[in-house]
Amino acid sequence: MEQRISLITLGVADVARAKAFYEQLGWQGQEVEETVFFQAGGLALVLWGRDKLAADAGIEGPGSGAMTLAQNVRSRAEVDEVIATAIKAGGEVTTPARETFYGGYAGYFADPDGHLWEIAWNPGFTLAEDGTLTVPNFSATN
């Protein structure tokens, strides 16, 4: 697993309210399918409904779905490799790698302290050679 984070996803109670808050701070984002993406340097901050995040990660309980770290990788095979490495290191799979609603491939694991990681291959998010993620211009693709 490369030493980098591609996205930090915050599970929020109200996506519109959270988006308005960040916009009032001067952030500029793009909303696609009830998900808001903010370019934040070489990574992205994502706002997504907490219930949807928890369901996607395969977890339940108080506070679940509050936040995940994510690493985008370059292929489906790399998703499987990283998750296998995490299991060998003591991590626990919460959602096995599978095809996603956005046309990619992803799975989740929890580290030994329960912090969630999503490992994803997303054909719409190109990675630079150094692993830097740039949020695409969603309005240009519609």
Protein backbone atom coordinates (compact mmCIF):
# COMPACT_ATOMS: atom_id res chain seq x y z
CA MET A 1 0.00 0.00 0.00
CA GLU A 2 1.42 3.36 -1.00
CA GLN A 3 1.85 5.88 1.78
CA ARG A 4 -0.82 8.38 0.74
CA ILE A 5 -4.46 9.33 1.25
CA SER A 6 -6.60 10.21 -1.77
CA LEU A 7 -9.86 11.19 -0.10
CA ILE A 8 -11.21 11.95 3.35
CA THR A 9 -14.95 11.31 3.44
CA LEU A 10 -17.02 12.92 6.16
CA GLY A 11 -20.35 11.24 6.89
CA VAL A 12 -22.81 14.06 7.46
CA ALA A 13 -26.39 14.22 8.71
CA ASP A 14 -27.49 16.73 6.06
CA VAL A 15 -25.45 17.04 2.85
CA ALA A 16 -26.99 20.38 1.82
CA ARG A 17 -26.32 21.91 5.23
CA ALA A 18 -22.73 20.62 5.29
CA LYS A 19 -22.10 21.87 1.74
CA ALA A 20 -23.44 25.33 2.66
CA PHE A 21 -21.19 25.42 5.73
CA TYR A 22 -18.03 24.68 3.73
CA GLU A 23 -19.06 27.13 1.01
CA GLN A 24 -19.45 29.84 3.68
CA LEU A 25 -15.85 29.07 4.67
CA GLY A 26 -14.85 29.86 1.08
CA TRP A 27 -14.56 26.29 -0.21
CA GLN A 28 -15.81 25.55 -3.74
CA GLY A 29 -17.20 22.10 -4.41
CA GLN A 30 -19.14 20.07 -6.90
CA GLU A 31 -22.21 18.02 -6.02
CA VAL A 32 -22.86 14.78 -7.86
CA GLU A 33 -25.51 12.24 -6.81
CA GLU A 34 -25.91 13.68 -3.28
CA THR A 35 -22.13 13.65 -2.78
CA VAL A 36 -20.01 16.81 -2.58
CA PHE A 37 -16.35 16.86 -3.69
CA PHE A 38 -13.91 19.61 -2.66
CA GLN A 39 -10.40 19.68 -4.12
CA ALA A 40 -8.12 20.09 -1.09
CA GLY A 41 -4.53 20.28 -2.34
CA GLY A 42 -3.53 16.87 -3.66
CA LEU A 43 -6.50 15.09 -2.11
CA ALA A 44 -10.26 15.50 -1.93
CA LEU A 45 -12.60 16.17 0.97
CA VAL A 46 -15.93 14.47 0.36
CA LEU A 47 -19.29 15.04 2.07
CA TRP A 48 -21.68 12.09 1.94
CA GLY A 49 -24.74 11.07 3.94
CA ARG A 50 -23.62 9.31 7.13
CA ASP A 51 -26.17 6.51 6.68
CA LYS A 52 -25.02 5.91 3.11
CA LEU A 53 -21.36 5.89 4.17
CA ALA A 54 -22.01 3.41 6.97
CA ALA A 55 -24.00 1.13 4.65
CA ASP A 56 -21.32 1.31 1.94
CA ALA A 57 -18.61 0.44 4.49
CA GLY A 58 -20.69 -2.41 5.93
CA ILE A 59 -20.80 -1.13 9.51
CA GLU A 60 -23.50 -0.37 12.09
CA GLY A 61 -23.74 1.28 15.47
CA PRO A 62 -23.46 4.64 17.19
CA GLY A 63 -21.02 6.92 15.43
CA SER A 64 -20.56 4.52 12.54
CA GLY A 65 -20.13 6.11 9.17
CA ALA A 66 -18.72 9.33 10.61
CA MET A 67 -15.51 9.30 8.56
CA THR A 68 -13.38 7.16 6.28
CA LEU A 69 -9.95 7.54 4.78
CA ALA A 70 -9.63 6.43 1.19
CA GLN A 71 -6.87 5.55 -1.18
CA ASN A 72 -7.54 5.41 -4.89
CA VAL A 73 -5.37 2.93 -6.75
CA ARG A 74 -4.64 2.30 -10.40
CA SER A 75 -6.44 -1.02 -11.01
CA ARG A 76 -8.98 -3.53 -9.74
CA ALA A 77 -6.12 -5.94 -9.02
CA GLU A 78 -4.40 -3.34 -6.83
CA VAL A 79 -7.60 -2.99 -4.76
CA ASP A 80 -7.46 -6.74 -4.04
CA GLU A 81 -3.72 -6.62 -3.29
CA VAL A 82 -4.00 -3.76 -0.80
CA ILE A 83 -6.95 -5.34 1.02
CA ALA A 84 -5.11 -8.69 1.22
CA THR A 85 -2.08 -6.92 2.69
CA ALA A 86 -4.31 -5.17 5.26
CA ILE A 87 -5.81 -8.52 6.33
CA LYS A 88 -2.33 -10.05 6.78
CA ALA A 89 -1.35 -7.02 8.88
CA GLY A 90 -4.30 -7.49 11.25
CA GLY A 91 -7.01 -5.44 9.55
CA GLU A 92 -10.59 -6.62 9.21
CA VAL A 93 -12.59 -6.42 5.99
CA THR A 94 -15.90 -4.64 6.56
CA THR A 95 -17.00 -4.77 2.91
CA PRO A 96 -15.25 -7.08 0.45
CA ALA A 97 -14.09 -5.53 -2.81
CA ARG A 98 -16.91 -5.35 -5.34
CA GLU A 99 -18.17 -3.44 -8.36
CA THR A 100 -19.45 0.01 -7.36
CA PHE A 101 -22.43 2.14 -8.36
CA TYR A 102 -20.04 4.62 -10.06
CA GLY A 103 -18.45 2.04 -12.37
CA GLY A 104 -15.39 1.33 -10.25
CA TYR A 105 -14.26 -1.36 -7.85
CA ALA A 106 -13.75 -0.90 -4.10
CA GLY A 107 -13.74 -2.47 -0.66
CA TYR A 108 -13.32 -1.38 2.95
CA PHE A 109 -11.19 -2.54 5.84
CA ALA A 110 -10.85 -1.41 9.42
CA ASP A 111 -7.43 -1.07 11.04
CA PRO A 112 -6.92 -2.69 14.47
CA ASP A 113 -8.39 0.43 16.14
CA GLY A 114 -11.48 0.45 13.91
CA HIS A 115 -10.47 3.31 11.58
CA LEU A 116 -12.06 2.72 8.18
CA TRP A 117 -10.16 2.72 4.90
CA GLU A 118 -11.78 2.48 1.48
CA ILE A 119 -9.50 1.17 -1.25
CA ALA A 120 -10.94 2.08 -4.64
CA TRP A 121 -10.26 2.01 -8.33
CA ASN A 122 -12.38 4.74 -9.94
CA PRO A 123 -12.07 5.12 -13.71
CA GLY A 124 -13.32 8.72 -13.46
CA PHE A 125 -10.56 9.85 -11.06
CA THR A 126 -7.20 9.89 -12.77
CA LEU A 127 -4.12 9.62 -10.56
CA ALA A 128 -0.88 11.40 -11.35
CA GLU A 129 2.33 9.36 -11.34
CA ASP A 130 2.97 10.46 -7.74
CA GLY A 131 -0.52 9.34 -6.68
CA THR A 132 -2.04 12.81 -6.54
CA LEU A 133 -5.77 12.77 -7.14
CA THR A 134 -7.54 15.58 -8.98
CA VAL A 135 -11.32 15.80 -8.75
CA PRO A 136 -12.68 15.82 -12.30
CA ASN A 137 -14.90 18.63 -13.59
CA PHE A 138 -18.22 16.85 -13.22
CA SER A 139 -20.14 19.46 -15.22
CA ALA A 140 -17.91 18.77 -18.24
CA THR A 141 -18.86 15.06 -18.16
CA ASN A 142 -22.65 15.57 -18.05
